[in-house]
PDB file of all heavy atoms in Angstrom:
ATOM      1  N   LEU A   1       0.836  -1.191   0.000  1.00  0.00           N
ATOM      2  CA  LEU A   1       0.000   0.000   0.000  1.00  0.00           C
ATOM      3  C   LEU A   1       0.874   1.244   0.000  1.00  0.00           C
ATOM      4  O   LEU A   1       1.955   1.255   0.595  1.00  0.00           O
ATOM      5  CB  LEU A   1      -0.908   0.025   1.236  1.00  0.00           C
ATOM      6  CG  LEU A   1      -1.826  -1.181   1.458  1.00  0.00           C
ATOM      7  CD1 LEU A   1      -2.553  -1.038   2.789  1.00  0.00           C
ATOM      8  CD2 LEU A   1      -2.824  -1.307   0.317  1.00  0.00           C
ATOM      9  N   ALA A   2       0.386   2.295  -0.639  1.00  0.00           N
ATOM     10  CA  ALA A   2       1.026   3.603  -0.557  1.00  0.00           C
ATOM     11  C   ALA A   2       0.121   4.496   0.278  1.00  0.00           C
ATOM     12  O   ALA A   2      -0.931   4.951  -0.182  1.00  0.00           O
ATOM     13  CB  ALA A   2       1.235   4.193  -1.952  1.00  0.00           C
ATOM     14  N   VAL A   3       0.481   4.717   1.529  1.00  0.00           N
ATOM     15  CA  VAL A   3      -0.366   5.449   2.470  1.00  0.00           C
ATOM     16  C   VAL A   3       0.140   6.889   2.579  1.00  0.00           C
ATOM     17  O   VAL A   3       1.264   7.123   3.040  1.00  0.00           O
ATOM     18  CB  VAL A   3      -0.359   4.780   3.857  1.00  0.00           C
ATOM     19  CG1 VAL A   3      -1.278   5.531   4.815  1.00  0.00           C
ATOM     20  CG2 VAL A   3      -0.779   3.324   3.741  1.00  0.00           C
ATOM     21  N   PRO A   4      -0.645   7.879   2.151  1.00  0.00           N
ATOM     22  CA  PRO A   4      -0.213   9.271   2.260  1.00  0.00           C
ATOM     23  C   PRO A   4       0.162   9.634   3.698  1.00  0.00           C
ATOM     24  O   PRO A   4      -0.562   9.316   4.632  1.00  0.00           O
ATOM     25  CB  PRO A   4      -1.436  10.061   1.785  1.00  0.00           C
ATOM     26  CG  PRO A   4      -2.167   9.107   0.891  1.00  0.00           C
ATOM     27  CD  PRO A   4      -1.973   7.760   1.508  1.00  0.00           C
ATOM     28  N   GLY A   5       1.293  10.279   3.851  1.00  0.00           N
ATOM     29  CA  GLY A   5       1.771  10.661   5.171  1.00  0.00           C
ATOM     30  C   GLY A   5       2.514   9.563   5.887  1.00  0.00           C
ATOM     31  O   GLY A   5       3.094   9.792   6.949  1.00  0.00           O
ATOM     32  N   VAL A   6       2.502   8.350   5.332  1.00  0.00           N
ATOM     33  CA  VAL A   6       3.185   7.217   5.945  1.00  0.00           C
ATOM     34  C   VAL A   6       4.231   6.648   4.999  1.00  0.00           C
ATOM     35  O   VAL A   6       5.374   6.422   5.358  1.00  0.00           O
ATOM     36  CB  VAL A   6       2.179   6.119   6.360  1.00  0.00           C
ATOM     37  CG1 VAL A   6       2.921   4.897   6.929  1.00  0.00           C
ATOM     38  CG2 VAL A   6       1.193   6.656   7.381  1.00  0.00           C
ATOM     39  N   GLY A   7       3.814   6.409   3.748  1.00  0.00           N
ATOM     40  CA  GLY A   7       4.720   5.839   2.760  1.00  0.00           C
ATOM     41  C   GLY A   7       4.331   4.426   2.394  1.00  0.00           C
ATOM     42  O   GLY A   7       3.175   4.018   2.526  1.00  0.00           O
ATOM     43  N   ARG A   8       5.314   3.662   1.941  1.00  0.00           N
ATOM     44  CA  ARG A   8       5.072   2.296   1.496  1.00  0.00           C
ATOM     45  C   ARG A   8       4.856   1.390   2.706  1.00  0.00           C
ATOM     46  O   ARG A   8       5.611   1.436   3.675  1.00  0.00           O
ATOM     47  CB  ARG A   8       6.260   1.794   0.676  1.00  0.00           C
ATOM     48  CG  ARG A   8       6.179   0.336   0.247  1.00  0.00           C
ATOM     49  CD  ARG A   8       7.490  -0.073  -0.426  1.00  0.00           C
ATOM     50  NE  ARG A   8       7.483  -1.476  -0.852  1.00  0.00           N
ATOM     51  CZ  ARG A   8       7.837  -2.501  -0.079  1.00  0.00           C
ATOM     52  NH1 ARG A   8       8.194  -2.263   1.172  1.00  0.00           N
ATOM     53  NH2 ARG A   8       7.811  -3.745  -0.553  1.00  0.00           N
ATOM     54  N   VAL A   9       3.829   0.548   2.633  1.00  0.00           N
ATOM     55  CA  VAL A   9       3.524  -0.402   3.691  1.00  0.00           C
ATOM     56  C   VAL A   9       3.221  -1.742   3.039  1.00  0.00           C
ATOM     57  O   VAL A   9       2.398  -1.831   2.122  1.00  0.00           O
ATOM     58  CB  VAL A   9       2.303   0.057   4.532  1.00  0.00           C
ATOM     59  CG1 VAL A   9       1.914  -1.018   5.531  1.00  0.00           C
ATOM     60  CG2 VAL A   9       2.607   1.369   5.246  1.00  0.00           C
ATOM     61  N   LEU A  10       3.886  -2.788   3.492  1.00  0.00           N
ATOM     62  CA  LEU A  10       3.591  -4.151   3.043  1.00  0.00           C
ATOM     63  C   LEU A  10       2.921  -4.875   4.206  1.00  0.00           C
ATOM     64  O   LEU A  10       3.526  -5.065   5.258  1.00  0.00           O
ATOM     65  CB  LEU A  10       4.858  -4.882   2.623  1.00  0.00           C
ATOM     66  CG  LEU A  10       4.647  -6.303   2.068  1.00  0.00           C
ATOM     67  CD1 LEU A  10       3.877  -6.253   0.751  1.00  0.00           C
ATOM     68  CD2 LEU A  10       5.977  -7.020   1.881  1.00  0.00           C
ATOM     69  N   THR A  11       1.666  -5.274   4.009  1.00  0.00           N
ATOM     70  CA  THR A  11       0.896  -5.783   5.139  1.00  0.00           C
ATOM     71  C   THR A  11      -0.144  -6.789   4.669  1.00  0.00           C
ATOM     72  O   THR A  11      -0.488  -6.856   3.485  1.00  0.00           O
ATOM     73  CB  THR A  11       0.220  -4.609   5.880  1.00  0.00           C
ATOM     74  OG1 THR A  11      -0.372  -5.071   7.083  1.00  0.00           O
ATOM     75  CG2 THR A  11      -0.831  -3.927   5.022  1.00  0.00           C
ATOM     76  N   ARG A  12      -0.659  -7.579   5.594  1.00  0.00           N
ATOM     77  CA  ARG A  12      -1.746  -8.505   5.308  1.00  0.00           C
ATOM     78  C   ARG A  12      -3.048  -7.720   5.211  1.00  0.00           C
ATOM     79  O   ARG A  12      -3.347  -6.905   6.098  1.00  0.00           O
ATOM     80  CB  ARG A  12      -1.863  -9.565   6.402  1.00  0.00           C
ATOM     81  CG  ARG A  12      -0.651 -10.467   6.564  1.00  0.00           C
ATOM     82  CD  ARG A  12      -0.819 -11.351   7.795  1.00  0.00           C
ATOM     83  NE  ARG A  12       0.274 -12.291   8.004  1.00  0.00           N
ATOM     84  CZ  ARG A  12       1.357 -12.039   8.731  1.00  0.00           C
ATOM     85  NH1 ARG A  12       1.516 -10.838   9.291  1.00  0.00           N
ATOM     86  NH2 ARG A  12       2.295 -12.961   8.889  1.00  0.00           N
ATOM     87  N   THR A  13      -3.854  -7.969   4.192  1.00  0.00           N
ATOM     88  CA  THR A  13      -5.087  -7.210   3.997  1.00  0.00           C
ATOM     89  C   THR A  13      -6.232  -8.121   3.586  1.00  0.00           C
ATOM     90  O   THR A  13      -6.033  -9.236   3.098  1.00  0.00           O
ATOM     91  CB  THR A  13      -4.940  -6.150   2.894  1.00  0.00           C
ATOM     92  OG1 THR A  13      -4.757  -6.821   1.631  1.00  0.00           O
ATOM     93  CG2 THR A  13      -3.789  -5.208   3.150  1.00  0.00           C
ATOM     94  N   TYR A  14      -7.445  -7.627   3.788  1.00  0.00           N
ATOM     95  CA  TYR A  14      -8.630  -8.137   3.119  1.00  0.00           C
ATOM     96  C   TYR A  14      -8.806  -7.364   1.808  1.00  0.00           C
ATOM     97  O   TYR A  14      -8.894  -6.128   1.819  1.00  0.00           O
ATOM     98  CB  TYR A  14      -9.887  -7.909   3.958  1.00  0.00           C
ATOM     99  CG  TYR A  14     -10.047  -8.785   5.181  1.00  0.00           C
ATOM    100  CD1 TYR A  14     -10.056  -8.216   6.461  1.00  0.00           C
ATOM    101  CD2 TYR A  14     -10.241 -10.157   5.085  1.00  0.00           C
ATOM    102  CE1 TYR A  14     -10.249  -9.000   7.589  1.00  0.00           C
ATOM    103  CE2 TYR A  14     -10.428 -10.949   6.207  1.00  0.00           C
ATOM    104  CZ  TYR A  14     -10.431 -10.360   7.459  1.00  0.00           C
ATOM    105  OH  TYR A  14     -10.614 -11.137   8.579  1.00  0.00           O
ATOM    106  N   GLU A  15      -8.856  -8.064   0.708  1.00  0.00           N
ATOM    107  CA  GLU A  15      -9.188  -7.464  -0.591  1.00  0.00           C
ATOM    108  C   GLU A  15      -8.257  -6.321  -0.972  1.00  0.00           C
ATOM    109  O   GLU A  15      -8.661  -5.371  -1.653  1.00  0.00           O
ATOM    110  CB  GLU A  15     -10.638  -6.984  -0.612  1.00  0.00           C
ATOM    111  CG  GLU A  15     -11.655  -8.097  -0.554  1.00  0.00           C
ATOM    112  CD  GLU A  15     -11.696  -8.943  -1.819  1.00  0.00           C
ATOM    113  OE1 GLU A  15     -12.407  -8.587  -2.759  1.00  0.00           O
ATOM    114  OE2 GLU A  15     -10.981  -9.985  -1.860  1.00  0.00           O
ATOM    115  N   GLY A  16      -7.012  -6.363  -0.496  1.00  0.00           N
ATOM    116  CA  GLY A  16      -6.030  -5.399  -0.940  1.00  0.00           C
ATOM    117  C   GLY A  16      -6.130  -4.026  -0.327  1.00  0.00           C
ATOM    118  O   GLY A  16      -5.522  -3.082  -0.844  1.00  0.00           O
ATOM    119  N   SER A  17      -6.873  -3.860   0.764  1.00  0.00           N
ATOM    120  CA  SER A  17      -7.017  -2.537   1.369  1.00  0.00           C
ATOM    121  C   SER A  17      -7.109  -2.631   2.880  1.00  0.00           C
ATOM    122  O   SER A  17      -7.468  -3.664   3.441  1.00  0.00           O
ATOM    123  CB  SER A  17      -8.264  -1.823   0.843  1.00  0.00           C
ATOM    124  OG  SER A  17      -8.071  -1.346  -0.463  1.00  0.00           O
ATOM    125  N   VAL A  18      -6.777  -1.546   3.531  1.00  0.00           N
ATOM    126  CA  VAL A  18      -6.988  -1.348   4.963  1.00  0.00           C
ATOM    127  C   VAL A  18      -7.931  -0.171   5.127  1.00  0.00           C
ATOM    128  O   VAL A  18      -7.590   0.933   4.718  1.00  0.00           O
ATOM    129  CB  VAL A  18      -5.656  -1.067   5.694  1.00  0.00           C
ATOM    130  CG1 VAL A  18      -5.911  -0.747   7.162  1.00  0.00           C
ATOM    131  CG2 VAL A  18      -4.702  -2.244   5.563  1.00  0.00           C
ATOM    132  N   PRO A  19      -9.155  -0.367   5.656  1.00  0.00           N
ATOM    133  CA  PRO A  19      -9.754  -1.643   6.038  1.00  0.00           C
ATOM    134  C   PRO A  19     -10.302  -2.383   4.823  1.00  0.00           C
ATOM    135  O   PRO A  19     -10.205  -1.895   3.696  1.00  0.00           O
ATOM    136  CB  PRO A  19     -10.895  -1.218   6.966  1.00  0.00           C
ATOM    137  CG  PRO A  19     -11.331   0.105   6.386  1.00  0.00           C
ATOM    138  CD  PRO A  19     -10.063   0.768   5.905  1.00  0.00           C
ATOM    139  N   GLY A  20     -10.899  -3.562   5.073  1.00  0.00           N
ATOM    140  CA  GLY A  20     -11.582  -4.282   4.011  1.00  0.00           C
ATOM    141  C   GLY A  20     -12.928  -3.661   3.702  1.00  0.00           C
ATOM    142  O   GLY A  20     -13.317  -2.637   4.266  1.00  0.00           O
ATOM    143  N   PRO A  21     -13.681  -4.259   2.777  1.00  0.00           N
ATOM    144  CA  PRO A  21     -14.981  -3.700   2.376  1.00  0.00           C
ATOM    145  C   PRO A  21     -15.964  -3.658   3.547  1.00  0.00           C
ATOM    146  O   PRO A  21     -15.919  -4.501   4.450  1.00  0.00           O
ATOM    147  CB  PRO A  21     -15.470  -4.670   1.293  1.00  0.00           C
ATOM    148  CG  PRO A  21     -14.266  -5.427   0.855  1.00  0.00           C
ATOM    149  CD  PRO A  21     -13.343  -5.484   2.024  1.00  0.00           C
ATOM    150  N   THR A  22     -16.855  -2.678   3.519  1.00  0.00           N
ATOM    151  CA  THR A  22     -17.975  -2.618   4.463  1.00  0.00           C
ATOM    152  C   THR A  22     -19.099  -3.506   3.943  1.00  0.00           C
ATOM    153  O   THR A  22     -19.506  -3.392   2.786  1.00  0.00           O
ATOM    154  CB  THR A  22     -18.470  -1.175   4.624  1.00  0.00           C
ATOM    155  OG1 THR A  22     -17.426  -0.382   5.212  1.00  0.00           O
ATOM    156  CG2 THR A  22     -19.697  -1.106   5.513  1.00  0.00           C
ATOM    157  N   LEU A  23     -19.589  -4.383   4.802  1.00  0.00           N
ATOM    158  CA  LEU A  23     -20.660  -5.311   4.450  1.00  0.00           C
ATOM    159  C   LEU A  23     -21.955  -4.820   5.081  1.00  0.00           C
ATOM    160  O   LEU A  23     -22.028  -4.625   6.298  1.00  0.00           O
ATOM    161  CB  LEU A  23     -20.327  -6.717   4.945  1.00  0.00           C
ATOM    162  CG  LEU A  23     -18.937  -7.250   4.561  1.00  0.00           C
ATOM    163  CD1 LEU A  23     -18.720  -8.646   5.150  1.00  0.00           C
ATOM    164  CD2 LEU A  23     -18.745  -7.258   3.047  1.00  0.00           C
ATOM    165  N   ARG A  24     -22.989  -4.625   4.254  1.00  0.00           N
ATOM    166  CA  ARG A  24     -24.258  -4.085   4.740  1.00  0.00           C
ATOM    167  C   ARG A  24     -25.356  -5.121   4.534  1.00  0.00           C
ATOM    168  O   ARG A  24     -25.564  -5.622   3.425  1.00  0.00           O
ATOM    169  CB  ARG A  24     -24.617  -2.778   4.025  1.00  0.00           C
ATOM    170  CG  ARG A  24     -23.574  -1.664   4.221  1.00  0.00           C
ATOM    171  CD  ARG A  24     -24.051  -0.348   3.617  1.00  0.00           C
ATOM    172  NE  ARG A  24     -25.046   0.285   4.433  1.00  0.00           N
ATOM    173  CZ  ARG A  24     -24.820   1.328   5.231  1.00  0.00           C
ATOM    174  NH1 ARG A  24     -23.604   1.847   5.322  1.00  0.00           N
ATOM    175  NH2 ARG A  24     -25.808   1.863   5.930  1.00  0.00           N
ATOM    176  N   VAL A  25     -26.072  -5.430   5.622  1.00  0.00           N
ATOM    177  CA  VAL A  25     -27.153  -6.402   5.592  1.00  0.00           C
ATOM    178  C   VAL A  25     -28.314  -5.889   6.435  1.00  0.00           C
ATOM    179  O   VAL A  25     -28.178  -4.898   7.155  1.00  0.00           O
ATOM    180  CB  VAL A  25     -26.686  -7.773   6.135  1.00  0.00           C
ATOM    181  CG1 VAL A  25     -25.735  -8.450   5.177  1.00  0.00           C
ATOM    182  CG2 VAL A  25     -26.046  -7.629   7.518  1.00  0.00           C
ATOM    183  N   ARG A  26     -29.422  -6.601   6.358  1.00  0.00           N
ATOM    184  CA  ARG A  26     -30.594  -6.324   7.177  1.00  0.00           C
ATOM    185  C   ARG A  26     -30.988  -7.600   7.903  1.00  0.00           C
ATOM    186  O   ARG A  26     -30.610  -8.706   7.492  1.00  0.00           O
ATOM    187  CB  ARG A  26     -31.761  -5.816   6.320  1.00  0.00           C
ATOM    188  CG  ARG A  26     -31.456  -4.537   5.547  1.00  0.00           C
ATOM    189  CD  ARG A  26     -32.672  -4.066   4.763  1.00  0.00           C
ATOM    190  NE  ARG A  26     -33.728  -3.609   5.643  1.00  0.00           N
ATOM    191  CZ  ARG A  26     -33.843  -2.359   6.117  1.00  0.00           C
ATOM    192  NH1 ARG A  26     -32.934  -1.443   5.778  1.00  0.00           N
ATOM    193  NH2 ARG A  26     -34.832  -2.025   6.910  1.00  0.00           N
TER     194      ARG A  26
END
């Protein structure tokens, strides 16, 4: 990831992002 203000970060992720997707249900 390229995090503005932080720089390059190599990390474990859900779906390639921090955080992962928001799941909406009823």
